[in-house]
Amino acid sequence: MNKQHLETVRKWYPKALTSIDTVNRLLDTIERELGLKPHQLMHADSMCCDDVNAIQYPPRALEMLGPFHLGGLNGFPFAGITGMNAFAHHVPENGAVIIFYAPHIGVTKEGVIGEIHRIGQRENSACCGAAKGALAKLIKQQIIEGDISALDFQMNTIEQIFLHQKDRILSAKNQIYEATEVMYEAIDDRIEVLVKETHYPCKYVLVVGAVFINGDKDMGSFCQYKKFDCINLQTKERSSLLNAYYL
């Protein structure tokens, strides 16, 4: 990994690491703090279904069980309570579940945010395309309050999320950056509700929120963690492992 690429990404996300390093730190922190190995971890992710996320998915994450995919466009957990309950019943009883969620956004080698150069294409394309599409409609005032169609349910949901934060997004110095922050908060809120409403037959629930950053085709991917919480299901105590992760 070219250090220059990481520095380019860090102009937008100062605590970003390569996605490989984030998974290594995740698994090392869990083993150090909780004594659990990857085969004791049932992993769910709530990430965008964009193919670039599959291409750039960190291989070491596959040492965990799963992943169970909760996310649709831009990482919102459209699988809902049914998906979360199904996933919860697959966890080893002496282990933990990890729920990783993240909207994604592109950063090019030149530092342009909201797009990437994909494999086999001459020009850059939007990343996340759904977020940029919803932002374009927000700017043009084309989003109607409550307008959600069965034919485009996921996109319409993102549009409504942006509409409810219209002033914040449109007044931001960088609108696609701010829209991604809004999306993270919406995903985080929904994940917390789903976790609260789900029974997990294991020791711990690990709630890990981030922004996943796609680079150009020869850059790889990056990630900046925002939350790394551990819920002890026996004591009901919740603690943050974020400082331990960044050691």
C-alpha atoms as a PDB file:
ATOM      1  CA  MET A   1       0.000   0.000   0.000  1.00  0.00           C
ATOM      2  CA  ASN A   2       1.422   3.334  -1.071  1.00  0.00           C
ATOM      3  CA  LYS A   3       1.651   5.569   2.021  1.00  0.00           C
ATOM      4  CA  GLN A   4       0.784   8.517  -0.193  1.00  0.00           C
ATOM      5  CA  HIS A   5      -2.658   6.980  -0.861  1.00  0.00           C
ATOM      6  CA  LEU A   6      -3.339   6.701   2.870  1.00  0.00           C
ATOM      7  CA  GLU A   7      -2.267  10.302   3.400  1.00  0.00           C
ATOM      8  CA  THR A   8      -4.627  11.388   0.611  1.00  0.00           C
ATOM      9  CA  VAL A   9      -7.529   9.609   2.300  1.00  0.00           C
ATOM     10  CA  ARG A  10      -6.565  11.085   5.689  1.00  0.00           C
ATOM     11  CA  LYS A  11      -7.117  14.598   4.375  1.00  0.00           C
ATOM     12  CA  TRP A  12     -10.803  13.690   4.639  1.00  0.00           C
ATOM     13  CA  TYR A  13     -10.684  10.979   7.333  1.00  0.00           C
ATOM     14  CA  PRO A  14      -7.755  11.642   9.707  1.00  0.00           C
ATOM     15  CA  LYS A  15      -7.993   8.300  11.568  1.00  0.00           C
ATOM     16  CA  ALA A  16      -8.418   6.143   8.483  1.00  0.00           C
ATOM     17  CA  LEU A  17      -6.408   2.951   8.106  1.00  0.00           C
ATOM     18  CA  THR A  18      -6.241   0.470   5.273  1.00  0.00           C
ATOM     19  CA  SER A  19      -9.152  -1.953   5.478  1.00  0.00           C
ATOM     20  CA  ILE A  20      -6.664  -4.784   6.002  1.00  0.00           C
ATOM     21  CA  ASP A  21      -5.198  -3.000   9.022  1.00  0.00           C
ATOM     22  CA  THR A  22      -8.658  -2.277  10.457  1.00  0.00           C
ATOM     23  CA  VAL A  23      -9.618  -5.958  10.408  1.00  0.00           C
ATOM     24  CA  ASN A  24      -6.269  -6.974  11.893  1.00  0.00           C
ATOM     25  CA  ARG A  25      -6.744  -4.455  14.710  1.00  0.00           C
ATOM     26  CA  LEU A  26     -10.357  -5.539  15.203  1.00  0.00           C
ATOM     27  CA  LEU A  27      -9.482  -9.205  15.630  1.00  0.00           C
ATOM     28  CA  ASP A  28      -6.387  -8.464  17.735  1.00  0.00           C
ATOM     29  CA  THR A  29      -8.388  -6.198  20.059  1.00  0.00           C
ATOM     30  CA  ILE A  30     -11.133  -8.796  20.515  1.00  0.00           C
ATOM     31  CA  GLU A  31      -8.631 -11.537  21.298  1.00  0.00           C
ATOM     32  CA  ARG A  32      -6.669  -9.304  23.695  1.00  0.00           C
ATOM     33  CA  GLU A  33      -9.690  -7.843  25.516  1.00  0.00           C
ATOM     34  CA  LEU A  34     -12.190 -10.724  25.378  1.00  0.00           C
ATOM     35  CA  GLY A  35     -10.078 -13.815  24.708  1.00  0.00           C
ATOM     36  CA  LEU A  36     -12.066 -14.794  21.613  1.00  0.00           C
ATOM     37  CA  LYS A  37     -10.669 -16.225  18.360  1.00  0.00           C
ATOM     38  CA  PRO A  38     -12.099 -15.496  14.886  1.00  0.00           C
ATOM     39  CA  HIS A  39     -13.912 -18.875  14.720  1.00  0.00           C
ATOM     40  CA  GLN A  40     -15.919 -17.820  17.800  1.00  0.00           C
ATOM     41  CA  LEU A  41     -17.197 -14.666  16.107  1.00  0.00           C
ATOM     42  CA  MET A  42     -20.345 -14.484  14.004  1.00  0.00           C
ATOM     43  CA  HIS A  43     -20.001 -11.507  11.712  1.00  0.00           C
ATOM     44  CA  ALA A  44     -22.753  -9.410  10.142  1.00  0.00           C
ATOM     45  CA  ASP A  45     -22.134  -6.400   7.979  1.00  0.00           C
ATOM     46  CA  SER A  46     -24.407  -3.577   6.928  1.00  0.00           C
ATOM     47  CA  MET A  47     -22.628  -2.175   3.900  1.00  0.00           C
ATOM     48  CA  CYS A  48     -23.679  -1.022   0.456  1.00  0.00           C
ATOM     49  CA  CYS A  49     -24.321  -3.716  -2.137  1.00  0.00           C
ATOM     50  CA  ASP A  50     -22.028  -1.845  -4.576  1.00  0.00           C
ATOM     51  CA  ASP A  51     -19.736  -4.389  -6.261  1.00  0.00           C
ATOM     52  CA  VAL A  52     -16.644  -2.372  -5.321  1.00  0.00           C
ATOM     53  CA  ASN A  53     -17.214  -3.301  -1.674  1.00  0.00           C
ATOM     54  CA  ALA A  54     -17.127  -6.996  -2.559  1.00  0.00           C
ATOM     55  CA  ILE A  55     -13.968  -6.466  -4.633  1.00  0.00           C
ATOM     56  CA  GLN A  56     -12.262  -4.556  -1.817  1.00  0.00           C
ATOM     57  CA  TYR A  57     -13.601  -6.647   1.105  1.00  0.00           C
ATOM     58  CA  PRO A  58     -10.732  -7.422   3.524  1.00  0.00           C
ATOM     59  CA  PRO A  59      -9.861 -11.145   3.134  1.00  0.00           C
ATOM     60  CA  ARG A  60      -9.045 -11.661   6.826  1.00  0.00           C
ATOM     61  CA  ALA A  61     -12.636 -10.763   7.709  1.00  0.00           C
ATOM     62  CA  LEU A  62     -13.529 -14.146   6.227  1.00  0.00           C
ATOM     63  CA  GLU A  63     -11.751 -15.855   9.133  1.00  0.00           C
ATOM     64  CA  MET A  64     -14.864 -15.016  11.137  1.00  0.00           C
ATOM     65  CA  LEU A  65     -18.117 -16.870  10.603  1.00  0.00           C
ATOM     66  CA  GLY A  66     -20.266 -15.178   8.001  1.00  0.00           C
ATOM     67  CA  PRO A  67     -20.719 -12.503   6.921  1.00  0.00           C
ATOM     68  CA  PHE A  68     -24.481 -12.191   7.135  1.00  0.00           C
ATOM     69  CA  HIS A  69     -25.417  -9.228   4.942  1.00  0.00           C
ATOM     70  CA  LEU A  70     -27.829  -6.783   6.571  1.00  0.00           C
ATOM     71  CA  GLY A  71     -27.272  -3.838   4.260  1.00  0.00           C
ATOM     72  CA  GLY A  72     -28.652  -2.532   1.000  1.00  0.00           C
ATOM     73  CA  LEU A  73     -27.934   0.733  -0.776  1.00  0.00           C
ATOM     74  CA  ASN A  74     -25.315   2.804   1.064  1.00  0.00           C
ATOM     75  CA  GLY A  75     -25.259   0.366   3.958  1.00  0.00           C
ATOM     76  CA  PHE A  76     -28.659   1.009   5.519  1.00  0.00           C
ATOM     77  CA  PRO A  77     -29.790  -2.210   7.310  1.00  0.00           C
ATOM     78  CA  PHE A  78     -32.754  -2.974   5.084  1.00  0.00           C
ATOM     79  CA  ALA A  79     -32.791  -6.620   6.285  1.00  0.00           C
ATOM     80  CA  GLY A  80     -34.474  -5.214   9.388  1.00  0.00           C
ATOM     81  CA  ILE A  81     -35.500  -7.098  12.491  1.00  0.00           C
ATOM     82  CA  THR A  82     -36.076 -10.340  10.562  1.00  0.00           C
ATOM     83  CA  GLY A  83     -32.527 -10.304   9.233  1.00  0.00           C
ATOM     84  CA  MET A  84     -31.044  -9.410  12.602  1.00  0.00           C
ATOM     85  CA  ASN A  85     -32.967 -12.195  14.355  1.00  0.00           C
ATOM     86  CA  ALA A  86     -31.940 -14.743  11.726  1.00  0.00           C
ATOM     87  CA  PHE A  87     -28.295 -13.742  12.083  1.00  0.00           C
ATOM     88  CA  ALA A  88     -28.498 -13.847  15.894  1.00  0.00           C
ATOM     89  CA  HIS A  89     -29.455 -17.508  15.855  1.00  0.00           C
ATOM     90  CA  HIS A  90     -26.265 -18.489  14.009  1.00  0.00           C
ATOM     91  CA  VAL A  91     -23.776 -17.364  16.670  1.00  0.00           C
ATOM     92  CA  PRO A  92     -21.604 -19.791  18.717  1.00  0.00           C
ATOM     93  CA  GLU A  93     -22.935 -19.854  22.286  1.00  0.00           C
ATOM     94  CA  ASN A  94     -19.468 -19.303  23.795  1.00  0.00           C
ATOM     95  CA  GLY A  95     -18.616 -16.491  21.401  1.00  0.00           C
ATOM     96  CA  ALA A  96     -19.804 -13.120  20.196  1.00  0.00           C
ATOM     97  CA  VAL A  97     -21.592 -11.413  17.369  1.00  0.00           C
ATOM     98  CA  ILE A  98     -19.934  -8.542  15.525  1.00  0.00           C
ATOM     99  CA  ILE A  99     -22.231  -6.106  13.759  1.00  0.00           C
ATOM    100  CA  PHE A 100     -20.163  -3.931  11.437  1.00  0.00           C
ATOM    101  CA  TYR A 101     -21.949  -1.117   9.645  1.00  0.00           C
ATOM    102  CA  ALA A 102     -20.689   1.638   7.405  1.00  0.00           C
ATOM    103  CA  PRO A 103     -21.823   3.863   4.582  1.00  0.00           C
ATOM    104  CA  HIS A 104     -19.161   4.036   1.892  1.00  0.00           C
ATOM    105  CA  ILE A 105     -17.614   6.853  -0.087  1.00  0.00           C
ATOM    106  CA  GLY A 106     -14.914   7.112  -2.715  1.00  0.00           C
ATOM    107  CA  VAL A 107     -11.670   9.080  -2.617  1.00  0.00           C
ATOM    108  CA  THR A 108      -9.487   9.184  -5.734  1.00  0.00           C
ATOM    109  CA  LYS A 109      -5.704   9.333  -5.895  1.00  0.00           C
ATOM    110  CA  GLU A 110      -6.065  13.051  -6.539  1.00  0.00           C
ATOM    111  CA  GLY A 111      -8.103  13.444  -3.346  1.00  0.00           C
ATOM    112  CA  VAL A 112     -11.489  13.946  -5.026  1.00  0.00           C
ATOM    113  CA  ILE A 113     -14.222  12.726  -2.698  1.00  0.00           C
ATOM    114  CA  GLY A 114     -17.388  11.001  -3.890  1.00  0.00           C
ATOM    115  CA  GLU A 115     -15.941   9.166  -6.885  1.00  0.00           C
ATOM    116  CA  ILE A 116     -13.398   6.500  -7.861  1.00  0.00           C
ATOM    117  CA  HIS A 117     -11.748   5.059 -10.951  1.00  0.00           C
ATOM    118  CA  ARG A 118     -13.174   1.546 -11.324  1.00  0.00           C
ATOM    119  CA  ILE A 119     -11.633  -1.459 -13.074  1.00  0.00           C
ATOM    120  CA  GLY A 120     -12.057  -1.392 -16.842  1.00  0.00           C
ATOM    121  CA  GLN A 121     -13.491   2.132 -17.058  1.00  0.00           C
ATOM    122  CA  ARG A 122     -11.938   5.206 -18.658  1.00  0.00           C
ATOM    123  CA  GLU A 123     -13.565   7.808 -16.442  1.00  0.00           C
ATOM    124  CA  ASN A 124     -14.321   8.092 -12.753  1.00  0.00           C
ATOM    125  CA  SER A 125     -17.772   7.122 -11.503  1.00  0.00           C
ATOM    126  CA  ALA A 126     -19.816   8.027  -8.440  1.00  0.00           C
ATOM    127  CA  CYS A 127     -19.166   6.308  -5.116  1.00  0.00           C
ATOM    128  CA  CYS A 128     -21.570   5.949  -3.411  1.00  0.00           C
ATOM    129  CA  GLY A 129     -23.775   6.290  -6.481  1.00  0.00           C
ATOM    130  CA  ALA A 130     -26.976   6.097  -4.450  1.00  0.00           C
ATOM    131  CA  ALA A 131     -25.824   8.866  -2.107  1.00  0.00           C
ATOM    132  CA  LYS A 132     -24.764  11.103  -4.973  1.00  0.00           C
ATOM    133  CA  GLY A 133     -28.045  10.435  -6.770  1.00  0.00           C
ATOM    134  CA  ALA A 134     -30.081  11.307  -3.697  1.00  0.00           C
ATOM    135  CA  LEU A 135     -27.946  14.404  -3.129  1.00  0.00           C
ATOM    136  CA  ALA A 136     -28.539  15.553  -6.712  1.00  0.00           C
ATOM    137  CA  LYS A 137     -32.294  15.249  -6.217  1.00  0.00           C
ATOM    138  CA  LEU A 138     -32.044  17.106  -2.899  1.00  0.00           C
ATOM    139  CA  ILE A 139     -30.195  19.996  -4.551  1.00  0.00           C
ATOM    140  CA  LYS A 140     -32.826  20.180  -7.309  1.00  0.00           C
ATOM    141  CA  GLN A 141     -35.647  20.008  -4.721  1.00  0.00           C
ATOM    142  CA  GLN A 142     -37.037  16.889  -6.381  1.00  0.00           C
ATOM    143  CA  ILE A 143     -37.571  14.834  -3.215  1.00  0.00           C
ATOM    144  CA  ILE A 144     -41.149  14.780  -1.956  1.00  0.00           C
ATOM    145  CA  GLU A 145     -41.809  14.204   1.750  1.00  0.00           C
ATOM    146  CA  GLY A 146     -43.061  10.652   2.339  1.00  0.00           C
ATOM    147  CA  ASP A 147     -42.687   9.578  -1.307  1.00  0.00           C
ATOM    148  CA  ILE A 148     -41.532   5.943  -1.077  1.00  0.00           C
ATOM    149  CA  SER A 149     -42.276   3.507  -3.883  1.00  0.00           C
ATOM    150  CA  ALA A 150     -42.138  -0.294  -3.753  1.00  0.00           C
ATOM    151  CA  LEU A 151     -40.241  -0.152  -7.063  1.00  0.00           C
ATOM    152  CA  ASP A 152     -37.362   1.861  -5.567  1.00  0.00           C
ATOM    153  CA  PHE A 153     -37.829   1.477  -1.830  1.00  0.00           C
ATOM    154  CA  GLN A 154     -34.171   1.580  -0.824  1.00  0.00           C
ATOM    155  CA  MET A 155     -33.270   4.650  -2.868  1.00  0.00           C
ATOM    156  CA  ASN A 156     -36.410   6.442  -1.741  1.00  0.00           C
ATOM    157  CA  THR A 157     -35.500   5.710   1.892  1.00  0.00           C
ATOM    158  CA  ILE A 158     -32.089   7.337   1.428  1.00  0.00           C
ATOM    159  CA  GLU A 159     -33.769  10.321  -0.203  1.00  0.00           C
ATOM    160  CA  GLN A 160     -36.040  10.748   2.810  1.00  0.00           C
ATOM    161  CA  ILE A 161     -33.075  10.540   5.196  1.00  0.00           C
ATOM    162  CA  PHE A 162     -31.362  13.332   3.277  1.00  0.00           C
ATOM    163  CA  LEU A 163     -34.532  15.393   3.027  1.00  0.00           C
ATOM    164  CA  HIS A 164     -34.880  15.404   6.812  1.00  0.00           C
ATOM    165  CA  GLN A 165     -31.343  16.848   7.063  1.00  0.00           C
ATOM    166  CA  LYS A 166     -31.663  19.155   4.054  1.00  0.00           C
ATOM    167  CA  ASP A 167     -30.327  22.350   5.613  1.00  0.00           C
ATOM    168  CA  ARG A 168     -27.373  20.611   7.215  1.00  0.00           C
ATOM    169  CA  ILE A 169     -26.331  18.903   3.975  1.00  0.00           C
ATOM    170  CA  LEU A 170     -26.844  21.819   1.606  1.00  0.00           C
ATOM    171  CA  SER A 171     -25.037  24.307   3.853  1.00  0.00           C
ATOM    172  CA  ALA A 172     -22.004  22.046   4.320  1.00  0.00           C
ATOM    173  CA  LYS A 173     -18.594  22.923   2.916  1.00  0.00           C
ATOM    174  CA  ASN A 174     -18.604  19.553   1.122  1.00  0.00           C
ATOM    175  CA  GLN A 175     -22.091  18.197   0.556  1.00  0.00           C
ATOM    176  CA  ILE A 176     -21.278  14.566  -0.277  1.00  0.00           C
ATOM    177  CA  TYR A 177     -19.015  14.315   2.763  1.00  0.00           C
ATOM    178  CA  GLU A 178     -21.782  15.691   4.980  1.00  0.00           C
ATOM    179  CA  ALA A 179     -24.414  13.475   3.362  1.00  0.00           C
ATOM    180  CA  THR A 180     -22.252  10.459   4.217  1.00  0.00           C
ATOM    181  CA  GLU A 181     -22.055  11.626   7.828  1.00  0.00           C
ATOM    182  CA  VAL A 182     -25.859  11.939   7.866  1.00  0.00           C
ATOM    183  CA  MET A 183     -26.107   8.443   6.434  1.00  0.00           C
ATOM    184  CA  TYR A 184     -23.781   7.060   9.101  1.00  0.00           C
ATOM    185  CA  GLU A 185     -25.936   8.549  11.842  1.00  0.00           C
ATOM    186  CA  ALA A 186     -29.124   7.125  10.323  1.00  0.00           C
ATOM    187  CA  ILE A 187     -27.563   3.663  10.049  1.00  0.00           C
ATOM    188  CA  ASP A 188     -26.194   3.896  13.591  1.00  0.00           C
ATOM    189  CA  ASP A 189     -29.619   4.826  14.969  1.00  0.00           C
ATOM    190  CA  ARG A 190     -31.316   1.927  13.192  1.00  0.00           C
ATOM    191  CA  ILE A 191     -28.665  -0.613  14.193  1.00  0.00           C
ATOM    192  CA  GLU A 192     -29.056   0.391  17.850  1.00  0.00           C
ATOM    193  CA  VAL A 193     -32.815  -0.187  17.638  1.00  0.00           C
ATOM    194  CA  LEU A 194     -32.340  -3.586  15.977  1.00  0.00           C
ATOM    195  CA  VAL A 195     -29.774  -4.670  18.570  1.00  0.00           C
ATOM    196  CA  LYS A 196     -32.095  -3.656  21.403  1.00  0.00           C
ATOM    197  CA  GLU A 197     -34.949  -5.679  19.916  1.00  0.00           C
ATOM    198  CA  THR A 198     -32.914  -8.866  19.311  1.00  0.00           C
ATOM    199  CA  HIS A 199     -31.974 -11.741  21.629  1.00  0.00           C
ATOM    200  CA  TYR A 200     -28.443 -13.067  21.143  1.00  0.00           C
ATOM    201  CA  PRO A 201     -27.613 -16.486  22.692  1.00  0.00           C
ATOM    202  CA  CYS A 202     -23.910 -15.731  23.265  1.00  0.00           C
ATOM    203  CA  LYS A 203     -21.552 -13.830  25.586  1.00  0.00           C
ATOM    204  CA  TYR A 204     -21.055 -10.517  23.824  1.00  0.00           C
ATOM    205  CA  VAL A 205     -22.457  -8.234  21.169  1.00  0.00           C
ATOM    206  CA  LEU A 206     -19.877  -6.049  19.442  1.00  0.00           C
ATOM    207  CA  VAL A 207     -21.270  -2.980  17.694  1.00  0.00           C
ATOM    208  CA  VAL A 208     -18.776  -1.495  15.243  1.00  0.00           C
ATOM    209  CA  GLY A 209     -19.611   1.623  13.209  1.00  0.00           C
ATOM    210  CA  ALA A 210     -17.398   3.200  10.577  1.00  0.00           C
ATOM    211  CA  VAL A 211     -17.101   4.922   7.224  1.00  0.00           C
ATOM    212  CA  PHE A 212     -15.763   2.588   4.528  1.00  0.00           C
ATOM    213  CA  ILE A 213     -13.627   4.430   1.986  1.00  0.00           C
ATOM    214  CA  ASN A 214     -13.112   3.055  -1.510  1.00  0.00           C
ATOM    215  CA  GLY A 215     -10.029   4.056  -3.457  1.00  0.00           C
ATOM    216  CA  ASP A 216      -9.257   3.896  -7.155  1.00  0.00           C
ATOM    217  CA  LYS A 217      -8.767   0.460  -8.728  1.00  0.00           C
ATOM    218  CA  ASP A 218      -5.068   0.371  -7.729  1.00  0.00           C
ATOM    219  CA  MET A 219      -5.446   2.016  -4.301  1.00  0.00           C
ATOM    220  CA  GLY A 220      -7.378  -0.547  -2.292  1.00  0.00           C
ATOM    221  CA  SER A 221      -9.828   0.418   0.442  1.00  0.00           C
ATOM    222  CA  PHE A 222      -9.691   2.192   3.777  1.00  0.00           C
ATOM    223  CA  CYS A 223     -11.836   2.569   6.857  1.00  0.00           C
ATOM    224  CA  GLN A 224     -12.294   4.986   9.743  1.00  0.00           C
ATOM    225  CA  TYR A 225     -13.899   3.557  12.877  1.00  0.00           C
ATOM    226  CA  LYS A 226     -16.376   5.749  14.759  1.00  0.00           C
ATOM    227  CA  LYS A 227     -17.698   3.249  17.314  1.00  0.00           C
ATOM    228  CA  PHE A 228     -16.477  -0.026  18.795  1.00  0.00           C
ATOM    229  CA  ASP A 229     -18.762  -0.975  21.680  1.00  0.00           C
ATOM    230  CA  CYS A 230     -18.918  -4.229  23.596  1.00  0.00           C
ATOM    231  CA  ILE A 231     -22.145  -5.305  25.305  1.00  0.00           C
ATOM    232  CA  ASN A 232     -21.674  -7.987  27.955  1.00  0.00           C
ATOM    233  CA  LEU A 233     -24.915  -9.953  27.762  1.00  0.00           C
ATOM    234  CA  GLN A 234     -24.458 -11.465  31.235  1.00  0.00           C
ATOM    235  CA  THR A 235     -23.841  -8.241  33.152  1.00  0.00           C
ATOM    236  CA  LYS A 236     -25.697  -5.939  30.676  1.00  0.00           C
ATOM    237  CA  GLU A 237     -22.714  -3.581  30.858  1.00  0.00           C
ATOM    238  CA  ARG A 238     -21.640  -1.661  27.772  1.00  0.00           C
ATOM    239  CA  SER A 239     -18.106  -0.394  27.246  1.00  0.00           C
ATOM    240  CA  SER A 240     -16.102   1.140  24.423  1.00  0.00           C
ATOM    241  CA  LEU A 241     -13.109  -0.676  22.958  1.00  0.00           C
ATOM    242  CA  LEU A 242     -12.243   2.187  20.622  1.00  0.00           C
ATOM    243  CA  ASN A 243      -9.233   3.365  22.629  1.00  0.00           C
ATOM    244  CA  ALA A 244      -7.914  -0.206  22.852  1.00  0.00           C
ATOM    245  CA  TYR A 245      -8.419  -0.546  19.094  1.00  0.00           C
ATOM    246  CA  TYR A 246      -6.344   2.567  18.366  1.00  0.00           C
ATOM    247  CA  LEU A 247      -3.437   1.528  20.643  1.00  0.00           C
END
